[in-house]
N, C-alpha and C. Protein backbone atom coordinates (compact mmCIF):
# COMPACT_ATOMS: atom_id res chain seq x y z
N MET A 1 29.13 -7.55 171.49
CA MET A 1 30.49 -8.30 171.19
C MET A 1 31.20 -7.57 169.96
N ALA A 2 30.26 -7.74 169.24
CA ALA A 2 30.90 -7.06 168.06
C ALA A 2 31.33 -5.52 167.97
N ALA A 3 30.53 -4.86 168.68
CA ALA A 3 30.78 -3.68 169.11
C ALA A 3 32.16 -3.72 169.74
N GLU A 4 32.34 -3.97 170.67
CA GLU A 4 33.52 -3.80 171.52
C GLU A 4 34.58 -4.39 170.70
N LYS A 5 34.68 -5.24 169.73
CA LYS A 5 35.76 -5.86 169.28
C LYS A 5 35.91 -4.47 167.91
N ILE A 6 34.94 -3.92 167.22
CA ILE A 6 35.29 -2.75 166.54
C ILE A 6 35.78 -1.77 167.12
N GLN A 7 35.57 -1.26 168.44
CA GLN A 7 36.26 -0.29 169.21
C GLN A 7 37.62 -0.78 169.26
N LEU A 8 37.98 -1.98 169.87
CA LEU A 8 39.41 -2.37 169.45
C LEU A 8 39.89 -2.03 168.63
N ALA A 9 39.63 -2.09 167.34
CA ALA A 9 40.26 -2.22 165.97
C ALA A 9 40.71 -0.54 165.92
N ILE A 10 39.30 0.30 166.24
CA ILE A 10 39.62 1.60 166.30
C ILE A 10 40.50 1.99 166.84
N GLN A 11 40.94 1.78 168.22
CA GLN A 11 41.98 1.69 168.95
C GLN A 11 43.37 1.41 168.69
N GLY A 12 43.38 0.59 167.09
CA GLY A 12 44.53 0.18 166.77
C GLY A 12 44.96 -1.21 167.28
N GLU A 13 44.13 -2.02 167.90
CA GLU A 13 44.21 -3.56 168.10
C GLU A 13 43.82 -4.31 166.81
N LYS A 14 44.53 -5.36 166.79
CA LYS A 14 43.56 -6.34 165.54
C LYS A 14 42.92 -7.85 166.10
N PRO A 15 41.58 -7.24 166.77
CA PRO A 15 40.89 -8.42 167.31
C PRO A 15 40.51 -9.36 166.48
N VAL A 16 40.49 -10.67 167.07
CA VAL A 16 40.39 -11.98 165.88
C VAL A 16 39.32 -12.57 167.15
N PHE A 17 38.02 -12.86 166.66
CA PHE A 17 36.93 -13.16 167.33
C PHE A 17 36.32 -14.15 166.34
N GLU A 18 35.19 -15.26 167.20
CA GLU A 18 34.41 -16.11 166.43
C GLU A 18 33.06 -15.34 166.31
N TRP A 19 32.23 -16.03 165.16
CA TRP A 19 31.05 -15.14 165.12
C TRP A 19 30.14 -16.29 164.35
N THR A 20 29.12 -16.57 164.60
CA THR A 20 27.81 -17.29 163.70
C THR A 20 27.34 -16.53 162.73
N HIS A 21 27.61 -16.58 161.55
CA HIS A 21 26.76 -16.04 160.23
C HIS A 21 25.76 -16.47 159.73
N CYS A 22 24.74 -15.74 159.12
CA CYS A 22 23.58 -16.91 158.52
C CYS A 22 23.71 -16.63 157.07
N ASP A 23 23.93 -17.96 156.40
CA ASP A 23 23.90 -17.58 154.85
C ASP A 23 22.54 -17.48 154.25
N GLN A 24 22.39 -17.22 152.97
CA GLN A 24 21.67 -16.71 152.45
C GLN A 24 19.68 -17.31 152.71
N SER A 25 20.18 -19.07 153.05
CA SER A 25 18.97 -19.59 153.69
C SER A 25 18.82 -19.47 155.13
N GLY A 26 19.60 -18.78 155.44
CA GLY A 26 19.39 -18.78 157.13
C GLY A 26 19.78 -19.39 158.02
N ASN A 27 20.55 -20.24 157.30
CA ASN A 27 21.35 -21.50 157.89
C ASN A 27 22.72 -21.01 159.14
N PRO A 28 23.27 -21.04 160.15
CA PRO A 28 24.23 -20.66 160.69
C PRO A 28 25.70 -20.94 160.05
N VAL A 29 26.34 -20.48 160.16
CA VAL A 29 27.61 -20.44 159.12
C VAL A 29 28.69 -20.06 160.71
N PRO A 30 29.54 -21.05 161.27
CA PRO A 30 30.54 -20.33 162.02
C PRO A 30 31.98 -19.49 161.29
N CYS A 31 32.17 -18.62 161.32
CA CYS A 31 32.92 -18.02 161.35
C CYS A 31 34.10 -17.16 162.10
N GLU A 32 35.24 -16.77 161.40
CA GLU A 32 36.44 -16.17 162.43
C GLU A 32 36.59 -14.78 161.86
N ILE A 33 36.44 -14.09 162.35
CA ILE A 33 36.62 -12.64 161.93
C ILE A 33 37.66 -11.85 162.49
N TRP A 34 38.70 -11.34 161.40
CA TRP A 34 39.70 -10.23 161.97
C TRP A 34 39.52 -9.17 161.76
N LEU A 35 39.62 -8.15 162.23
CA LEU A 35 39.70 -6.75 162.27
C LEU A 35 40.84 -5.90 162.12
N VAL A 36 41.03 -5.18 161.31
CA VAL A 36 42.17 -4.27 161.35
C VAL A 36 41.93 -2.77 161.11
N ARG A 37 42.37 -1.71 161.70
CA ARG A 37 42.34 -0.59 161.12
C ARG A 37 43.35 -0.02 160.26
N LEU A 38 42.82 0.42 159.49
CA LEU A 38 43.69 1.18 158.12
C LEU A 38 44.12 2.45 158.42
N PRO A 39 45.57 2.45 157.84
CA PRO A 39 45.57 3.79 157.80
C PRO A 39 45.20 4.97 157.09
N SER A 40 44.85 6.04 157.65
CA SER A 40 44.11 7.13 156.86
C SER A 40 43.96 8.06 157.45
N GLU A 41 44.22 9.29 156.83
CA GLU A 41 44.26 10.65 157.19
C GLU A 41 42.91 11.34 157.10
N ASN A 42 41.96 10.86 156.57
CA ASN A 42 40.44 11.48 156.54
C ASN A 42 39.44 10.76 156.84
N GLU A 43 39.82 9.73 156.93
CA GLU A 43 38.28 8.89 157.07
C GLU A 43 38.99 7.87 158.20
N LEU A 44 37.77 7.32 159.10
CA LEU A 44 38.27 5.97 159.79
C LEU A 44 37.90 4.59 159.06
N LEU A 45 38.72 3.72 158.97
CA LEU A 45 38.35 2.59 157.86
C LEU A 45 38.99 1.29 158.74
N ILE A 46 37.99 0.57 158.59
CA ILE A 46 38.37 -0.91 159.67
C ILE A 46 38.08 -1.87 158.20
N ARG A 47 38.93 -2.83 158.20
CA ARG A 47 39.13 -3.91 157.45
C ARG A 47 38.43 -5.07 158.13
N GLY A 48 37.18 -6.01 157.81
CA GLY A 48 36.86 -6.98 158.36
C GLY A 48 37.24 -8.30 157.27
N SER A 49 37.84 -9.51 157.83
CA SER A 49 38.15 -10.52 157.16
C SER A 49 37.11 -11.64 157.66
N ILE A 50 36.73 -12.26 156.79
CA ILE A 50 35.76 -13.25 157.65
C ILE A 50 36.29 -14.65 156.83
N ILE A 51 35.99 -15.24 157.40
CA ILE A 51 36.65 -16.87 157.27
C ILE A 51 35.78 -17.87 157.67
N ASP A 52 35.42 -18.92 156.71
CA ASP A 52 34.32 -19.58 157.22
C ASP A 52 35.01 -21.08 157.94
N ILE A 53 34.88 -21.29 159.14
CA ILE A 53 35.54 -22.20 159.91
C ILE A 53 34.64 -23.50 160.12
N THR A 54 33.78 -23.60 159.14
CA THR A 54 32.74 -25.17 159.20
C THR A 54 33.23 -26.32 159.34
N GLU A 55 34.38 -26.72 158.64
CA GLU A 55 35.51 -27.68 158.81
C GLU A 55 36.16 -28.01 160.36
N ARG A 56 36.60 -26.65 160.30
CA ARG A 56 37.59 -26.58 161.80
C ARG A 56 36.67 -26.91 162.94
N LYS A 57 35.31 -26.66 162.90
CA LYS A 57 34.56 -26.97 163.94
C LYS A 57 33.90 -28.09 164.16
N LYS A 58 33.95 -28.64 162.76
CA LYS A 58 33.18 -30.10 162.58
C LYS A 58 34.89 -31.10 163.06
N THR A 59 36.02 -30.71 162.86
CA THR A 59 37.27 -31.31 163.13
C THR A 59 37.35 -31.22 164.76
N GLU A 60 36.85 -30.13 165.09
CA GLU A 60 37.35 -29.96 166.79
C GLU A 60 36.73 -30.73 167.55
N ALA A 61 35.16 -30.92 167.15
CA ALA A 61 34.35 -31.60 167.41
C ALA A 61 34.73 -33.19 167.57
N GLU A 62 35.08 -33.95 166.62
CA GLU A 62 35.55 -35.01 166.45
C GLU A 62 36.70 -35.36 167.18
N ILE A 63 37.76 -34.09 167.64
CA ILE A 63 39.01 -34.49 167.89
C ILE A 63 38.21 -34.83 169.60
N LEU A 64 37.38 -33.39 169.99
CA LEU A 64 37.00 -33.80 171.45
C LEU A 64 36.11 -35.09 171.60
N LYS A 65 35.24 -35.65 170.74
CA LYS A 65 34.83 -36.40 170.89
C LYS A 65 35.82 -37.90 171.22
N SER A 66 36.70 -37.94 170.34
CA SER A 66 37.80 -39.07 170.14
C SER A 66 38.60 -38.84 171.75
N LYS A 67 39.03 -37.43 172.13
CA LYS A 67 39.81 -37.59 173.56
C LYS A 67 38.77 -38.26 174.34
N MET A 68 37.48 -37.98 174.47
CA MET A 68 37.07 -38.04 175.70
C MET A 68 36.59 -39.89 175.78
N GLN A 69 36.40 -40.50 174.46
CA GLN A 69 36.51 -41.64 174.60
C GLN A 69 37.74 -42.18 174.71
N PHE A 70 39.12 -41.62 174.42
CA PHE A 70 40.28 -42.19 174.88
C PHE A 70 40.00 -42.25 176.39
N GLN A 71 40.01 -40.94 177.02
CA GLN A 71 40.20 -40.77 178.42
C GLN A 71 39.13 -41.69 179.05
N ASN A 72 38.33 -42.12 178.09
CA ASN A 72 37.09 -43.32 179.65
C ASN A 72 37.77 -44.48 179.11
N LEU A 73 38.29 -44.80 178.33
CA LEU A 73 38.92 -46.27 177.75
C LEU A 73 40.03 -46.11 179.16
N VAL A 74 41.34 -45.18 178.92
CA VAL A 74 42.59 -45.40 179.93
C VAL A 74 41.99 -45.29 181.05
N GLU A 75 40.96 -44.69 181.92
CA GLU A 75 40.60 -44.24 182.75
C GLU A 75 39.56 -45.41 183.55
N ASN A 76 39.47 -46.25 182.68
CA ASN A 76 38.56 -47.48 183.29
C ASN A 76 39.29 -49.42 182.77
N ILE A 77 40.43 -48.94 182.40
CA ILE A 77 41.37 -50.18 182.15
C ILE A 77 42.03 -50.72 183.45
N PRO A 78 41.90 -51.91 183.57
CA PRO A 78 42.71 -52.44 184.81
C PRO A 78 44.00 -52.19 184.74
N GLY A 79 44.74 -51.69 184.05
CA GLY A 79 46.28 -51.51 183.79
C GLY A 79 46.55 -49.98 184.38
N VAL A 80 47.49 -49.63 183.89
CA VAL A 80 47.86 -48.31 184.43
C VAL A 80 48.67 -47.99 182.91
N TYR A 81 48.26 -46.54 182.88
CA TYR A 81 48.78 -45.85 181.34
C TYR A 81 49.41 -44.70 181.64
N TRP A 82 50.33 -44.52 180.83
CA TRP A 82 51.00 -43.17 180.94
C TRP A 82 51.52 -42.60 179.91
N VAL A 83 51.74 -41.62 179.57
CA VAL A 83 52.25 -40.76 178.63
C VAL A 83 53.53 -39.69 178.77
N THR A 84 54.54 -39.93 178.62
CA THR A 84 55.86 -39.13 178.88
C THR A 84 56.46 -38.10 177.53
N ASN A 85 56.98 -37.44 177.70
CA ASN A 85 57.67 -36.74 176.69
C ASN A 85 58.95 -37.13 176.71
N LEU A 86 59.05 -37.98 175.72
CA LEU A 86 60.63 -38.27 175.43
C LEU A 86 61.92 -37.67 175.51
N GLU A 87 61.63 -36.42 174.87
CA GLU A 87 62.98 -35.36 175.27
C GLU A 87 62.85 -34.71 176.50
N THR A 88 61.48 -34.38 177.37
CA THR A 88 61.68 -33.63 178.84
C THR A 88 61.74 -34.59 179.75
N TYR A 89 61.14 -35.78 179.42
CA TYR A 89 60.56 -36.84 180.43
C TYR A 89 59.32 -35.94 181.57
N GLU A 90 59.03 -35.14 180.93
CA GLU A 90 57.54 -34.67 181.34
C GLU A 90 56.47 -35.95 181.47
N THR A 91 55.94 -36.12 182.69
CA THR A 91 54.88 -36.82 182.52
C THR A 91 53.51 -35.96 182.01
N LEU A 92 52.94 -36.65 180.68
CA LEU A 92 52.01 -35.90 180.23
C LEU A 92 50.53 -36.07 180.82
N TYR A 93 50.37 -37.45 180.78
CA TYR A 93 49.13 -37.96 181.34
C TYR A 93 49.81 -39.51 182.13
N ILE A 94 48.78 -39.42 183.12
CA ILE A 94 48.84 -41.16 183.91
C ILE A 94 47.27 -41.47 184.41
N SER A 95 47.12 -42.73 184.06
CA SER A 95 45.69 -42.88 184.56
C SER A 95 45.53 -43.05 186.13
N PRO A 96 44.44 -42.77 186.07
CA PRO A 96 44.13 -43.15 188.03
C PRO A 96 44.68 -44.41 188.23
N SER A 97 44.30 -45.17 187.78
CA SER A 97 44.64 -46.70 188.43
C SER A 97 46.31 -46.86 188.54
N TYR A 98 47.14 -45.73 188.38
CA TYR A 98 48.15 -45.78 188.87
C TYR A 98 48.45 -45.85 190.21
N GLU A 99 47.76 -45.17 190.96
CA GLU A 99 47.44 -44.95 192.09
C GLU A 99 47.27 -46.21 193.16
N THR A 100 46.29 -46.95 192.51
CA THR A 100 45.67 -48.08 193.03
C THR A 100 46.87 -49.07 193.00
N ILE A 101 47.62 -49.40 191.52
CA ILE A 101 48.31 -50.44 191.24
C ILE A 101 49.68 -50.16 191.84
N TRP A 102 50.49 -48.96 191.84
CA TRP A 102 51.83 -48.59 192.23
C TRP A 102 51.64 -48.34 193.73
N GLY A 103 50.61 -47.64 194.03
CA GLY A 103 50.59 -47.16 195.52
C GLY A 103 51.09 -45.86 195.49
N LEU A 104 51.27 -45.14 194.73
CA LEU A 104 51.98 -43.59 194.77
C LEU A 104 50.89 -42.74 193.99
N THR A 105 51.08 -41.64 194.09
CA THR A 105 50.12 -40.69 193.85
C THR A 105 50.53 -39.93 192.41
N CYS A 106 49.62 -39.95 191.81
CA CYS A 106 49.66 -39.33 190.23
C CYS A 106 50.17 -37.87 190.43
N GLU A 107 49.98 -37.20 191.17
CA GLU A 107 50.22 -35.86 191.72
C GLU A 107 52.10 -35.87 191.87
N GLY A 108 52.29 -37.02 192.51
CA GLY A 108 54.06 -37.41 192.44
C GLY A 108 54.82 -37.59 191.60
N LEU A 109 54.17 -38.45 190.59
CA LEU A 109 54.84 -38.57 189.13
C LEU A 109 54.52 -37.08 188.23
N TYR A 110 53.48 -36.75 188.27
CA TYR A 110 53.56 -35.15 187.25
C TYR A 110 54.86 -34.31 188.11
N ARG A 111 55.03 -34.31 189.24
CA ARG A 111 55.89 -33.44 189.85
C ARG A 111 57.14 -33.51 189.57
N ASN A 112 57.56 -35.31 189.57
CA ASN A 112 58.55 -35.82 189.51
C ASN A 112 58.73 -37.18 188.41
N PRO A 113 58.83 -36.89 187.33
CA PRO A 113 58.78 -38.25 186.51
C PRO A 113 59.46 -39.43 187.04
N ALA A 114 60.37 -39.36 187.59
CA ALA A 114 61.39 -40.67 188.33
C ALA A 114 60.41 -41.13 189.24
N ASP A 115 59.69 -40.24 189.86
CA ASP A 115 58.92 -41.04 191.37
C ASP A 115 58.44 -42.55 191.19
N PHE A 116 58.23 -43.17 189.83
CA PHE A 116 57.50 -44.33 189.80
C PHE A 116 59.12 -45.47 190.06
N ILE A 117 60.16 -44.79 190.02
CA ILE A 117 61.31 -46.09 189.94
C ILE A 117 61.10 -46.39 191.52
N ASN A 118 60.99 -45.44 192.56
CA ASN A 118 61.04 -45.78 193.77
C ASN A 118 60.28 -46.99 194.29
N ALA A 119 59.31 -47.54 193.31
CA ALA A 119 58.52 -48.56 193.43
C ALA A 119 58.60 -49.88 192.75
N VAL A 120 60.13 -49.85 191.83
CA VAL A 120 60.73 -50.78 191.30
C VAL A 120 61.44 -52.02 191.75
N HIS A 121 61.29 -52.98 191.64
CA HIS A 121 61.95 -53.83 192.75
C HIS A 121 63.40 -53.40 192.40
N PRO A 122 64.45 -53.87 193.54
CA PRO A 122 66.11 -53.14 193.16
C PRO A 122 66.78 -54.32 191.91
N ASP A 123 66.27 -55.76 191.77
CA ASP A 123 66.71 -56.42 190.73
C ASP A 123 66.43 -56.10 189.54
N ASP A 124 65.30 -55.32 189.55
CA ASP A 124 64.61 -55.08 187.93
C ASP A 124 65.37 -53.51 187.52
N LYS A 125 65.67 -52.96 188.11
CA LYS A 125 65.89 -51.45 188.00
C LYS A 125 67.23 -51.49 186.87
N PRO A 126 67.88 -52.30 186.52
CA PRO A 126 69.00 -52.37 185.71
C PRO A 126 68.43 -52.74 184.53
N TYR A 127 67.56 -53.14 184.73
CA TYR A 127 66.55 -53.54 183.21
C TYR A 127 65.93 -52.31 182.83
N LEU A 128 65.44 -51.50 183.64
CA LEU A 128 64.55 -50.23 183.41
C LEU A 128 65.70 -48.92 183.08
N VAL A 129 66.87 -49.27 183.61
CA VAL A 129 68.08 -48.21 182.77
C VAL A 129 68.23 -48.64 181.39
N GLU A 130 68.42 -49.88 181.27
CA GLU A 130 68.39 -50.27 179.63
C GLU A 130 67.48 -49.70 178.98
N ALA A 131 66.30 -50.37 179.49
CA ALA A 131 65.14 -49.75 178.80
C ALA A 131 65.08 -48.48 178.48
N HIS A 132 65.49 -47.59 179.69
CA HIS A 132 65.56 -45.98 179.18
C HIS A 132 66.58 -45.94 178.30
N LYS A 133 67.50 -46.29 178.18
CA LYS A 133 68.82 -46.01 177.01
C LYS A 133 68.26 -46.57 175.70
N ASN A 134 67.19 -47.35 175.66
CA ASN A 134 66.82 -47.90 174.42
C ASN A 134 65.77 -46.86 173.79
N ILE A 135 64.75 -46.25 174.90
CA ILE A 135 63.96 -45.11 174.33
C ILE A 135 64.58 -44.25 173.84
N ALA A 136 65.89 -43.55 174.13
CA ALA A 136 66.53 -42.44 173.88
C ALA A 136 66.55 -42.82 172.62
N LYS A 137 67.06 -44.18 172.07
CA LYS A 137 67.36 -44.25 170.62
C LYS A 137 66.66 -44.36 169.57
N THR A 138 65.59 -45.33 169.82
CA THR A 138 64.34 -45.87 169.38
C THR A 138 63.19 -45.26 169.42
N LYS A 139 62.94 -44.75 170.42
CA LYS A 139 61.55 -44.02 170.75
C LYS A 139 60.96 -45.19 171.17
N LYS A 140 61.05 -46.31 171.41
CA LYS A 140 60.11 -47.72 171.80
C LYS A 140 60.67 -48.26 173.14
N ALA A 141 60.22 -48.77 173.74
CA ALA A 141 60.21 -49.54 175.06
C ALA A 141 59.43 -50.80 174.93
N ASN A 142 60.31 -51.75 175.67
CA ASN A 142 59.86 -53.52 175.69
C ASN A 142 60.08 -53.98 176.80
N THR A 143 59.73 -53.51 178.12
CA THR A 143 60.40 -54.10 179.17
C THR A 143 59.28 -54.54 180.29
N SER A 144 59.63 -55.38 181.25
CA SER A 144 58.67 -55.57 182.42
C SER A 144 59.75 -55.53 183.45
N PHE A 145 59.13 -55.12 184.75
CA PHE A 145 59.71 -55.26 185.63
C PHE A 145 58.59 -55.09 186.82
N ARG A 146 59.01 -55.93 187.93
CA ARG A 146 58.18 -55.70 189.01
C ARG A 146 58.33 -54.62 190.05
N ILE A 147 57.10 -54.46 190.58
CA ILE A 147 57.21 -53.24 191.46
C ILE A 147 56.54 -54.05 192.83
N ILE A 148 57.04 -53.07 193.95
CA ILE A 148 56.90 -53.51 195.38
C ILE A 148 55.94 -52.36 195.81
N ARG A 149 55.11 -53.07 196.81
CA ARG A 149 53.77 -52.12 196.99
C ARG A 149 53.88 -52.51 198.68
N LEU A 150 53.85 -51.47 199.64
CA LEU A 150 53.84 -51.67 201.18
C LEU A 150 52.42 -51.75 201.43
N MET A 151 51.71 -52.76 201.67
CA MET A 151 50.28 -53.19 202.11
C MET A 151 50.08 -52.29 203.15
N GLU A 152 49.12 -51.86 203.57
CA GLU A 152 48.50 -51.34 204.97
C GLU A 152 47.91 -52.49 205.46
N ILE A 153 47.89 -52.82 206.53
CA ILE A 153 47.16 -54.11 207.47
C ILE A 153 46.33 -53.46 208.31
């Protein structure tokens, strides 16, 4: 792998890659390596920068663990949990229980963030509109509304 990256640097590219280096005691140290060909008329010069990324790798592992715990939690709660980008109204995440409780597909909500409105009781839609205005101003919402589900018999 390193030989391929060196060849890329010789060709004028600036490869960046991860590598495991062993310290003086033989312990593995995760590193990020940057290679750059230096201008020279007479010699082939490649500069390599090696950065110890041990802390970054630990942080990435902690974030992944936290994300998995969070996902396990929201995918197993008896309610619906969803995350929306308040600027674009794009649905970023919806828990699988949405389909069971709302009777609508998660895919539909990802495609059209307003899809859930179709299941809101008509008398409650004005409250939802008001909550939407408050979200735009305060970035917070505290509202309740009923949903209508057509049950198959």
